[in-house]
C-alpha atoms as a PDB file:
ATOM      1  CA  UNK A   1      16.387  12.145  -2.185  1.00  0.00           C
ATOM      2  CA  UNK A   2      17.659   8.497  -2.780  1.00  0.00           C
ATOM      3  CA  UNK A   3      15.429   5.511  -3.652  1.00  0.00           C
ATOM      4  CA  UNK A   4      15.834   4.273  -0.126  1.00  0.00           C
ATOM      5  CA  UNK A   5      14.896   7.529   1.450  1.00  0.00           C
ATOM      6  CA  UNK A   6      12.100   7.852  -1.197  1.00  0.00           C
ATOM      7  CA  UNK A   7      10.609   4.251  -0.194  1.00  0.00           C
ATOM      8  CA  UNK A   8      10.786   4.642   3.571  1.00  0.00           C
ATOM      9  CA  UNK A   9       8.806   8.458   3.273  1.00  0.00           C
ATOM     10  CA  UNK A  10       6.315   6.419   1.206  1.00  0.00           C
ATOM     11  CA  UNK A  11       5.615   3.728   3.563  1.00  0.00           C
ATOM     12  CA  UNK A  12       5.919   6.019   6.561  1.00  0.00           C
ATOM     13  CA  UNK A  13       2.984   8.096   5.049  1.00  0.00           C
ATOM     14  CA  UNK A  14       1.239   5.020   4.090  1.00  0.00           C
ATOM     15  CA  UNK A  15       1.258   3.641   7.473  1.00  0.00           C
ATOM     16  CA  UNK A  16      -1.357   6.155   8.829  1.00  0.00           C
ATOM     17  CA  UNK A  17      -4.902   5.293   8.152  1.00  0.00           C
ATOM     18  CA  UNK A  18      -6.155   8.917   7.496  1.00  0.00           C
ATOM     19  CA  UNK A  19      -3.533   9.521   4.932  1.00  0.00           C
ATOM     20  CA  UNK A  20      -4.646   6.434   3.056  1.00  0.00           C
ATOM     21  CA  UNK A  21      -8.284   7.606   3.361  1.00  0.00           C
ATOM     22  CA  UNK A  22      -7.051  10.771   1.735  1.00  0.00           C
ATOM     23  CA  UNK A  23      -5.321   9.102  -0.965  1.00  0.00           C
ATOM     24  CA  UNK A  24      -8.354   6.504  -1.449  1.00  0.00           C
ATOM     25  CA  UNK A  25     -10.343  10.173  -1.707  1.00  0.00           C
ATOM     26  CA  UNK A  26      -7.721  11.588  -4.422  1.00  0.00           C
ATOM     27  CA  UNK A  27      -7.788   8.362  -6.547  1.00  0.00           C
ATOM     28  CA  UNK A  28     -11.187   9.536  -7.704  1.00  0.00           C
ATOM     29  CA  UNK A  29      -9.837  12.713  -8.588  1.00  0.00           C
ATOM     30  CA  UNK A  30      -8.625  15.968  -7.434  1.00  0.00           C
ATOM     31  CA  UNK A  31      -9.920  17.835  -4.097  1.00  0.00           C
ATOM     32  CA  UNK A  32      -9.301  20.990  -2.134  1.00  0.00           C
ATOM     33  CA  UNK A  33      -8.079  20.809   1.388  1.00  0.00           C
ATOM     34  CA  UNK A  34     -11.629  21.412   2.599  1.00  0.00           C
ATOM     35  CA  UNK A  35     -13.212  18.573   0.825  1.00  0.00           C
ATOM     36  CA  UNK A  36     -10.384  16.191   1.991  1.00  0.00           C
ATOM     37  CA  UNK A  37     -11.088  17.396   5.567  1.00  0.00           C
ATOM     38  CA  UNK A  38     -14.829  16.818   5.425  1.00  0.00           C
ATOM     39  CA  UNK A  39     -15.142  13.328   6.627  1.00  0.00           C
ATOM     40  CA  UNK A  40     -12.761  13.533   9.320  1.00  0.00           C
ATOM     41  CA  UNK A  41     -13.268  14.801  12.769  1.00  0.00           C
ATOM     42  CA  UNK A  42     -10.090  16.873  13.173  1.00  0.00           C
ATOM     43  CA  UNK A  43      -8.699  20.318  12.829  1.00  0.00           C
ATOM     44  CA  UNK A  44      -7.797  21.818   9.738  1.00  0.00           C
ATOM     45  CA  UNK A  45      -4.033  21.990  10.997  1.00  0.00           C
ATOM     46  CA  UNK A  46      -4.350  18.437  11.670  1.00  0.00           C
ATOM     47  CA  UNK A  47      -5.384  17.558   8.187  1.00  0.00           C
ATOM     48  CA  UNK A  48      -2.582  19.960   6.696  1.00  0.00           C
ATOM     49  CA  UNK A  49       0.038  17.977   8.711  1.00  0.00           C
ATOM     50  CA  UNK A  50      -1.094  14.900   7.004  1.00  0.00           C
ATOM     51  CA  UNK A  51      -1.161  16.408   3.570  1.00  0.00           C
ATOM     52  CA  UNK A  52       2.516  17.839   4.085  1.00  0.00           C
ATOM     53  CA  UNK A  53       3.343  14.308   5.077  1.00  0.00           C
ATOM     54  CA  UNK A  54       1.800  12.916   1.733  1.00  0.00           C
ATOM     55  CA  UNK A  55       3.400  15.880  -0.310  1.00  0.00           C
ATOM     56  CA  UNK A  56       6.893  15.292   1.156  1.00  0.00           C
ATOM     57  CA  UNK A  57       6.732  11.568   0.309  1.00  0.00           C
ATOM     58  CA  UNK A  58       5.590  12.778  -3.332  1.00  0.00           C
ATOM     59  CA  UNK A  59       2.310  11.030  -2.866  1.00  0.00           C
ATOM     60  CA  UNK A  60       0.176  14.046  -3.679  1.00  0.00           C
ATOM     61  CA  UNK A  61       1.153  17.258  -5.172  1.00  0.00           C
ATOM     62  CA  UNK A  62      -1.095  20.620  -5.068  1.00  0.00           C
ATOM     63  CA  UNK A  63      -1.881  23.055  -7.735  1.00  0.00           C
ATOM     64  CA  UNK A  64      -3.378  26.376  -7.827  1.00  0.00           C
ATOM     65  CA  UNK A  65      -6.536  27.490  -9.068  1.00  0.00           C
ATOM     66  CA  UNK A  66      -7.010  31.170  -8.026  1.00  0.00           C
ATOM     67  CA  UNK A  67      -7.720  30.737  -4.210  1.00  0.00           C
ATOM     68  CA  UNK A  68      -7.968  27.217  -4.310  1.00  0.00           C
ATOM     69  CA  UNK A  69      -5.161  24.688  -3.932  1.00  0.00           C
ATOM     70  CA  UNK A  70      -6.602  21.511  -5.342  1.00  0.00           C
ATOM     71  CA  UNK A  71      -4.640  18.293  -4.122  1.00  0.00           C
ATOM     72  CA  UNK A  72      -4.116  15.380  -6.668  1.00  0.00           C
ATOM     73  CA  UNK A  73      -2.452  11.971  -6.125  1.00  0.00           C
ATOM     74  CA  UNK A  74       1.014  10.992  -7.533  1.00  0.00           C
ATOM     75  CA  UNK A  75       1.415   7.540  -8.678  1.00  0.00           C
ATOM     76  CA  UNK A  76       4.954   7.225  -9.155  1.00  0.00           C
ATOM     77  CA  UNK A  77       5.964   6.577  -5.360  1.00  0.00           C
ATOM     78  CA  UNK A  78       3.026   3.787  -5.248  1.00  0.00           C
ATOM     79  CA  UNK A  79       4.442   2.183  -8.357  1.00  0.00           C
ATOM     80  CA  UNK A  80       8.155   2.065  -6.767  1.00  0.00           C
ATOM     81  CA  UNK A  81       6.559   0.624  -3.346  1.00  0.00           C
ATOM     82  CA  UNK A  82       4.523  -1.910  -5.680  1.00  0.00           C
ATOM     83  CA  UNK A  83       7.844  -3.075  -7.403  1.00  0.00           C
ATOM     84  CA  UNK A  84       9.503  -3.285  -4.005  1.00  0.00           C
ATOM     85  CA  UNK A  85       6.725  -5.366  -2.552  1.00  0.00           C
ATOM     86  CA  UNK A  86       6.449  -7.423  -5.825  1.00  0.00           C
ATOM     87  CA  UNK A  87       9.708  -9.072  -5.165  1.00  0.00           C
ATOM     88  CA  UNK A  88       8.579 -10.280  -1.750  1.00  0.00           C
ATOM     89  CA  UNK A  89       5.552 -11.526  -3.465  1.00  0.00           C
ATOM     90  CA  UNK A  90       7.687 -13.893  -5.716  1.00  0.00           C
ATOM     91  CA  UNK A  91       9.427 -15.260  -2.700  1.00  0.00           C
ATOM     92  CA  UNK A  92       6.441 -15.889  -0.843  1.00  0.00           C
ATOM     93  CA  UNK A  93       4.758 -17.598  -4.191  1.00  0.00           C
ATOM     94  CA  UNK A  94       7.855 -19.880  -4.362  1.00  0.00           C
ATOM     95  CA  UNK A  95       7.638 -20.701  -0.719  1.00  0.00           C
ATOM     96  CA  UNK A  96       3.943 -21.744  -0.834  1.00  0.00           C
ATOM     97  CA  UNK A  97       4.713 -23.757  -3.989  1.00  0.00           C
ATOM     98  CA  UNK A  98       7.318 -25.753  -2.153  1.00  0.00           C
ATOM     99  CA  UNK A  99       4.696 -26.118   0.795  1.00  0.00           C
ATOM    100  CA  UNK A 100       2.108 -27.284  -1.501  1.00  0.00           C
ATOM    101  CA  UNK A 101       4.650 -29.731  -3.093  1.00  0.00           C
ATOM    102  CA  UNK A 102       5.239 -30.930   0.549  1.00  0.00           C
ATOM    103  CA  UNK A 103       1.886 -31.573   1.383  1.00  0.00           C
ATOM    104  CA  UNK A 104       1.155 -33.455  -1.663  1.00  0.00           C
ATOM    105  CA  UNK A 105       3.984 -35.754  -0.763  1.00  0.00           C
ATOM    106  CA  UNK A 106       2.756 -36.275   2.618  1.00  0.00           C
ATOM    107  CA  UNK A 107      -0.689 -36.701   1.469  1.00  0.00           C
ATOM    108  CA  UNK A 108       0.450 -39.213  -1.287  1.00  0.00           C
ATOM    109  CA  UNK A 109       2.360 -41.048   1.479  1.00  0.00           C
ATOM    110  CA  UNK A 110      -0.574 -41.003   3.891  1.00  0.00           C
ATOM    111  CA  UNK A 111      -2.681 -42.602   1.431  1.00  0.00           C
ATOM    112  CA  UNK A 112       0.113 -45.340   0.704  1.00  0.00           C
ATOM    113  CA  UNK A 113       0.262 -46.168   4.368  1.00  0.00           C
ATOM    114  CA  UNK A 114      -3.589 -46.523   4.690  1.00  0.00           C
ATOM    115  CA  UNK A 115      -3.746 -48.681   1.475  1.00  0.00           C
ATOM    116  CA  UNK A 116      -0.973 -51.143   2.995  1.00  0.00           C
ATOM    117  CA  UNK A 117      -2.902 -51.335   6.454  1.00  0.00           C
ATOM    118  CA  UNK A 118      -5.890 -52.548   4.498  1.00  0.00           C
ATOM    119  CA  UNK A 119      -4.129 -55.230   3.035  1.00  0.00           C
END
């Protein structure tokens, strides 16, 4: 899977609130499918579909512990998504800095006009 395909899979998986909730739960430690399904009012097959999507995106992995198949979060795809978002964060920071500068100039000009009207 190339970087673009992997990033697309990550964002597609993160687009669903149920999958984000599952990841949030796994951030505190591994859990079984039944434990992950507990807080949701949905069928076991529906939860399994969410888990398969997360697994295909590389966001979770499943181990084997006797009959139990615990799920655990995998951070690499999240780190890749963060790096991708960080580039845009830098662009927005630069845009906000320019806006701050423009607002400072406008405020200074407004104060100067007020002072000149008072004279």
